C-alpha atoms as a PDB file:
ATOM      1  CA  MET A   1      16.364  -9.349   1.540  1.00  0.00           C
ATOM      2  CA  THR A   2      18.474  -6.374   2.722  1.00  0.00           C
ATOM      3  CA  LEU A   3      17.677  -2.682   2.300  1.00  0.00           C
ATOM      4  CA  GLU A   4      20.142   0.232   2.422  1.00  0.00           C
ATOM      5  CA  ARG A   5      18.789   3.708   2.474  1.00  0.00           C
ATOM      6  CA  ILE A   6      20.934   6.695   1.350  1.00  0.00           C
ATOM      7  CA  GLY A   7      19.853  10.324   1.222  1.00  0.00           C
ATOM      8  CA  LEU A   8      20.931  12.092  -1.933  1.00  0.00           C
ATOM      9  CA  PRO A   9      20.890  15.910  -1.281  1.00  0.00           C
ATOM     10  CA  GLY A  10      18.743  17.635  -3.961  1.00  0.00           C
ATOM     11  CA  VAL A  11      17.827  14.360  -5.684  1.00  0.00           C
ATOM     12  CA  GLY A  12      15.815  12.285  -3.033  1.00  0.00           C
ATOM     13  CA  VAL A  13      16.431   8.997  -1.278  1.00  0.00           C
ATOM     14  CA  SER A  14      18.119   5.898  -2.780  1.00  0.00           C
ATOM     15  CA  HIS A  15      16.890   2.418  -1.614  1.00  0.00           C
ATOM     16  CA  LEU A  16      19.048  -0.487  -2.571  1.00  0.00           C
ATOM     17  CA  LEU A  17      17.498  -3.838  -2.218  1.00  0.00           C
ATOM     18  CA  THR A  18      19.505  -7.099  -2.400  1.00  0.00           C
ATOM     19  CA  THR A  19      17.430 -10.348  -2.547  1.00  0.00           C
ATOM     20  CA  GLN A  20      18.451 -13.683  -0.990  1.00  0.00           C
ATOM     21  CA  ASP A  21      19.853 -14.810  -4.352  1.00  0.00           C
ATOM     22  CA  GLY A  22      22.080 -11.672  -4.669  1.00  0.00           C
ATOM     23  CA  ALA A  23      19.967  -9.721  -7.216  1.00  0.00           C
ATOM     24  CA  ARG A  24      20.012  -6.033  -6.810  1.00  0.00           C
ATOM     25  CA  LEU A  25      17.345  -3.424  -7.425  1.00  0.00           C
ATOM     26  CA  GLY A  26      17.795   0.359  -6.927  1.00  0.00           C
ATOM     27  CA  ILE A  27      14.993   2.776  -6.357  1.00  0.00           C
ATOM     28  CA  VAL A  28      15.432   6.514  -5.973  1.00  0.00           C
ATOM     29  CA  VAL A  29      12.489   8.361  -4.513  1.00  0.00           C
ATOM     30  CA  ARG A  30      12.413  11.936  -5.957  1.00  0.00           C
ATOM     31  CA  PRO A  31      10.862  14.882  -4.115  1.00  0.00           C
ATOM     32  CA  ASP A  32       8.129  15.194  -6.811  1.00  0.00           C
ATOM     33  CA  GLY A  33       6.878  11.609  -6.125  1.00  0.00           C
ATOM     34  CA  GLY A  34       8.526  10.115  -8.990  1.00  0.00           C
ATOM     35  CA  ARG A  35      10.707   6.983  -8.847  1.00  0.00           C
ATOM     36  CA  ASP A  36      13.660   5.918 -10.772  1.00  0.00           C
ATOM     37  CA  LEU A  37      14.121   2.100 -10.847  1.00  0.00           C
ATOM     38  CA  ALA A  38      17.440   0.280 -11.722  1.00  0.00           C
ATOM     39  CA  ILE A  39      18.263  -3.355 -12.079  1.00  0.00           C
ATOM     40  CA  TYR A  40      21.789  -4.144 -11.497  1.00  0.00           C
ATOM     41  CA  ASP A  41      24.064  -6.381 -13.653  1.00  0.00           C
ATOM     42  CA  PRO A  42      24.442  -9.834 -11.962  1.00  0.00           C
ATOM     43  CA  VAL A  43      27.955 -10.097 -13.313  1.00  0.00           C
ATOM     44  CA  ASP A  44      29.035  -6.461 -12.190  1.00  0.00           C
ATOM     45  CA  PRO A  45      26.640  -5.568  -9.250  1.00  0.00           C
ATOM     46  CA  ASP A  46      27.799  -1.841  -9.351  1.00  0.00           C
ATOM     47  CA  ARG A  47      26.544  -1.358 -12.866  1.00  0.00           C
ATOM     48  CA  ALA A  48      22.996  -0.756 -13.773  1.00  0.00           C
ATOM     49  CA  ALA A  49      21.824  -3.104 -16.453  1.00  0.00           C
ATOM     50  CA  GLY A  50      18.677  -1.156 -17.136  1.00  0.00           C
ATOM     51  CA  THR A  51      16.623   1.735 -15.749  1.00  0.00           C
ATOM     52  CA  VAL A  52      12.902   2.781 -15.696  1.00  0.00           C
ATOM     53  CA  VAL A  53      11.677   6.246 -14.730  1.00  0.00           C
ATOM     54  CA  LEU A  54       8.118   6.511 -13.304  1.00  0.00           C
ATOM     55  CA  CYS A  55       6.111   9.526 -12.604  1.00  0.00           C
ATOM     56  CA  ALA A  56       4.264   9.694  -9.286  1.00  0.00           C
ATOM     57  CA  GLU A  57       1.069   8.332 -10.713  1.00  0.00           C
ATOM     58  CA  GLU A  58       2.849   5.443 -12.428  1.00  0.00           C
ATOM     59  CA  ALA A  59       4.717   4.690  -9.135  1.00  0.00           C
ATOM     60  CA  HIS A  60       1.433   4.401  -7.236  1.00  0.00           C
ATOM     61  CA  LEU A  61       0.035   2.068  -9.889  1.00  0.00           C
ATOM     62  CA  VAL A  62       3.158  -0.197  -9.674  1.00  0.00           C
ATOM     63  CA  ALA A  63       2.755  -0.148  -5.851  1.00  0.00           C
ATOM     64  CA  ASP A  64      -0.867  -1.304  -6.237  1.00  0.00           C
ATOM     65  CA  VAL A  65       0.279  -4.037  -8.438  1.00  0.00           C
ATOM     66  CA  LEU A  66       2.876  -5.143  -5.966  1.00  0.00           C
ATOM     67  CA  HIS A  67       0.526  -4.954  -3.144  1.00  0.00           C
ATOM     68  CA  THR A  68      -1.926  -7.039  -5.290  1.00  0.00           C
ATOM     69  CA  MET A  69      -5.552  -5.820  -5.459  1.00  0.00           C
ATOM     70  CA  VAL A  70      -6.107  -5.369  -1.769  1.00  0.00           C
ATOM     71  CA  THR A  71      -3.774  -5.883   1.094  1.00  0.00           C
ATOM     72  CA  LEU A  72      -4.819  -7.201   4.429  1.00  0.00           C
ATOM     73  CA  ASP A  73      -2.472  -6.612   7.436  1.00  0.00           C
ATOM     74  CA  HIS A  74      -3.052  -7.341  10.931  1.00  0.00           C
ATOM     75  CA  VAL A  75      -2.879  -4.321  13.162  1.00  0.00           C
ATOM     76  CA  ASP A  76      -0.574  -4.855  16.160  1.00  0.00           C
ATOM     77  CA  GLY A  77      -2.652  -5.116  19.321  1.00  0.00           C
ATOM     78  CA  PRO A  78      -4.433  -7.592  21.596  1.00  0.00           C
ATOM     79  CA  ASP A  79      -5.254 -11.066  20.555  1.00  0.00           C
ATOM     80  CA  PRO A  80      -8.624 -11.439  18.919  1.00  0.00           C
ATOM     81  CA  ALA A  81     -11.422 -11.439  21.533  1.00  0.00           C
ATOM     82  CA  ALA A  82     -13.353 -14.700  22.238  1.00  0.00           C
ATOM     83  CA  ASP A  83     -16.081 -13.472  19.918  1.00  0.00           C
ATOM     84  CA  GLY A  84     -13.656 -13.360  16.932  1.00  0.00           C
ATOM     85  CA  MET A  85     -13.440  -9.562  16.754  1.00  0.00           C
ATOM     86  CA  ARG A  86     -10.072  -8.296  15.337  1.00  0.00           C
ATOM     87  CA  ALA A  87      -8.685  -5.201  13.615  1.00  0.00           C
ATOM     88  CA  ILE A  88      -7.078  -5.148  10.200  1.00  0.00           C
ATOM     89  CA  ARG A  89      -5.783  -2.618   7.633  1.00  0.00           C
ATOM     90  CA  ILE A  90      -7.174  -2.910   4.133  1.00  0.00           C
ATOM     91  CA  ARG A  91      -5.559  -0.948   1.216  1.00  0.00           C
ATOM     92  CA  VAL A  92      -8.012   0.460  -1.543  1.00  0.00           C
ATOM     93  CA  PRO A  93      -6.423  -0.322  -4.943  1.00  0.00           C
ATOM     94  CA  ALA A  94      -6.613   2.099  -7.902  1.00  0.00           C
ATOM     95  CA  GLY A  95      -8.953  -0.235  -9.879  1.00  0.00           C
ATOM     96  CA  SER A  96     -11.552  -0.630  -6.975  1.00  0.00           C
ATOM     97  CA  GLY A  97     -15.100   0.146  -7.800  1.00  0.00           C
ATOM     98  CA  SER A  98     -15.244   1.789  -4.268  1.00  0.00           C
ATOM     99  CA  VAL A  99     -12.942   4.690  -5.370  1.00  0.00           C
ATOM    100  CA  ASP A 100     -14.710   7.970  -5.279  1.00  0.00           C
ATOM    101  CA  ARG A 101     -17.822   6.448  -3.666  1.00  0.00           C
ATOM    102  CA  PRO A 102     -19.066   6.805   0.004  1.00  0.00           C
ATOM    103  CA  LEU A 103     -17.727   4.537   2.558  1.00  0.00           C
ATOM    104  CA  ALA A 104     -21.219   3.362   3.614  1.00  0.00           C
ATOM    105  CA  SER A 105     -22.021  -0.185   2.641  1.00  0.00           C
ATOM    106  CA  PRO A 106     -23.694  -3.194   4.038  1.00  0.00           C
ATOM    107  CA  HIS A 107     -20.451  -4.960   4.994  1.00  0.00           C
ATOM    108  CA  GLY A 108     -20.951  -5.063   8.732  1.00  0.00           C
ATOM    109  CA  ALA A 109     -17.358  -4.097   9.729  1.00  0.00           C
ATOM    110  CA  ASP A 110     -16.601  -0.791  11.504  1.00  0.00           C
ATOM    111  CA  VAL A 111     -14.057   1.504   9.789  1.00  0.00           C
ATOM    112  CA  VAL A 112     -12.537   3.397  12.712  1.00  0.00           C
ATOM    113  CA  ALA A 113      -9.873   5.257  10.630  1.00  0.00           C
ATOM    114  CA  VAL A 114      -8.593   5.959   7.229  1.00  0.00           C
ATOM    115  CA  ILE A 115      -4.979   6.568   6.517  1.00  0.00           C
ATOM    116  CA  ARG A 116      -4.650   8.889   3.555  1.00  0.00           C
ATOM    117  CA  GLY A 117      -1.060   9.631   2.580  1.00  0.00           C
ATOM    118  CA  GLU A 118       0.576  11.040   5.751  1.00  0.00           C
ATOM    119  CA  ARG A 119      -2.688  11.801   7.413  1.00  0.00           C
ATOM    120  CA  MET A 120      -4.827   9.668   9.769  1.00  0.00           C
ATOM    121  CA  LEU A 121      -8.543  10.526   9.478  1.00  0.00           C
ATOM    122  CA  PRO A 122     -10.395   9.021  12.506  1.00  0.00           C
ATOM    123  CA  HIS A 123     -14.038   8.022  12.582  1.00  0.00           C
ATOM    124  CA  PRO A 124     -14.851   8.618   8.906  1.00  0.00           C
ATOM    125  CA  GLY A 125     -18.637   8.841   8.391  1.00  0.00           C
ATOM    126  CA  PRO A 126     -20.815   7.047   5.892  1.00  0.00           C
ATOM    127  CA  ALA A 127     -20.445   9.869   3.408  1.00  0.00           C
ATOM    128  CA  PHE A 128     -16.679   9.774   3.447  1.00  0.00           C
ATOM    129  CA  LEU A 129     -15.420   9.358  -0.104  1.00  0.00           C
ATOM    130  CA  LEU A 130     -12.673   6.608  -0.679  1.00  0.00           C
ATOM    131  CA  ARG A 131      -9.710   7.273  -2.753  1.00  0.00           C
ATOM    132  CA  ALA A 132      -7.269   4.791  -4.358  1.00  0.00           C
ATOM    133  CA  GLY A 133      -4.373   4.310  -1.952  1.00  0.00           C
ATOM    134  CA  ASP A 134      -6.366   4.856   1.222  1.00  0.00           C
ATOM    135  CA  VAL A 135      -5.755   2.372   3.968  1.00  0.00           C
ATOM    136  CA  LEU A 136      -8.837   1.474   6.067  1.00  0.00           C
ATOM    137  CA  ILE A 137      -8.489   0.453   9.749  1.00  0.00           C
ATOM    138  CA  ALA A 138     -11.513  -1.863  10.106  1.00  0.00           C
ATOM    139  CA  VAL A 139     -12.775  -3.735  13.243  1.00  0.00           C
ATOM    140  CA  GLY A 140     -15.143  -6.679  13.157  1.00  0.00           C
ATOM    141  CA  GLY A 141     -15.638 -10.474  12.900  1.00  0.00           C
ATOM    142  CA  SER A 142     -13.977 -12.481  10.085  1.00  0.00           C
ATOM    143  CA  PRO A 143     -17.233 -12.533   7.892  1.00  0.00           C
ATOM    144  CA  ALA A 144     -17.636  -8.842   8.050  1.00  0.00           C
ATOM    145  CA  LEU A 145     -14.054  -8.042   7.353  1.00  0.00           C
ATOM    146  CA  ALA A 146     -14.095 -10.494   4.460  1.00  0.00           C
ATOM    147  CA  ARG A 147     -17.220  -8.723   2.939  1.00  0.00           C
ATOM    148  CA  LEU A 148     -15.407  -5.357   3.270  1.00  0.00           C
ATOM    149  CA  HIS A 149     -12.309  -6.859   1.646  1.00  0.00           C
ATOM    150  CA  ASP A 150     -14.325  -8.243  -1.213  1.00  0.00           C
ATOM    151  CA  LEU A 151     -16.207  -4.950  -1.708  1.00  0.00           C
ATOM    152  CA  LEU A 152     -12.894  -3.093  -2.028  1.00  0.00           C
ATOM    153  CA  ALA A 153     -11.373  -5.745  -4.190  1.00  0.00           C
ATOM    154  CA  ALA A 154     -14.344  -5.571  -6.778  1.00  0.00           C
ATOM    155  CA  PRO A 155     -13.182  -3.716  -9.916  1.00  0.00           C
ATOM    156  CA  CYS A 156     -14.875  -0.701 -11.474  1.00  0.00           C
END
């Protein structure tokens, strides 16, 4: 897949994605957080075959769907220690039962930071309230990280 980014003064940023099979999708990110989506005509790749306008909240929900319920990403760093400890990122989905609840739970992993929007919140305490879209940086063994993942994936 290729991605082209083009700044549109006063409008936002245009992202043009072209898949391996040549299909094209355009996304304009507006300053208000909204998104305009366009699917391009396969016969005439410069003509939009259809568009969808999403408000910021709708765009976040679509992002959650595209990321599935919870996304686990390995954090760049050293190889796992001999005892199996590792660091991962876990995204809190909009439908999680953990949203608006304290971070404290019996999962056994250490949450060393939370990324909320553009901010990094280091060392969140057990009373820290989670929000949909938060990304937790967690450290622990595989069983503890799996328990944390399952806790965050559980629906309301």
